[in-house]
């Protein structure tokens, strides 16, 4: 009792080849887009702008509220990094100014 699978017709094979080609072309297009330096730069710029916006919302208390941005953990982390970097820059700037003032006062 051997059951033979029917051989596909030439038109079925051609249709399968065309589908496979279309799938490969779509995959190559997607990979080209993902690896494009321009695409990467625009994605990073968008994420940086979003992090700055979220940091502002977090500082005003709107983060996670109904009218604020969604409480995505990754976005919250990015906003905290931006806030931390801003605080660090302020601290360094303050230290530089205080040091300069003290050196001038000593003469």
Foldseek 3Di string as FASTA:
>chain_A
DDDDDDDDDPVVVVVVVVVVVVVVVVVVVVVCLVPDPVNVVVVVVVLLVLLCQLLVCVVVVNDCPPPHDNVDVVSVVSVVVVVVVVVVVVVVVVVVVVVVVVVVVVD
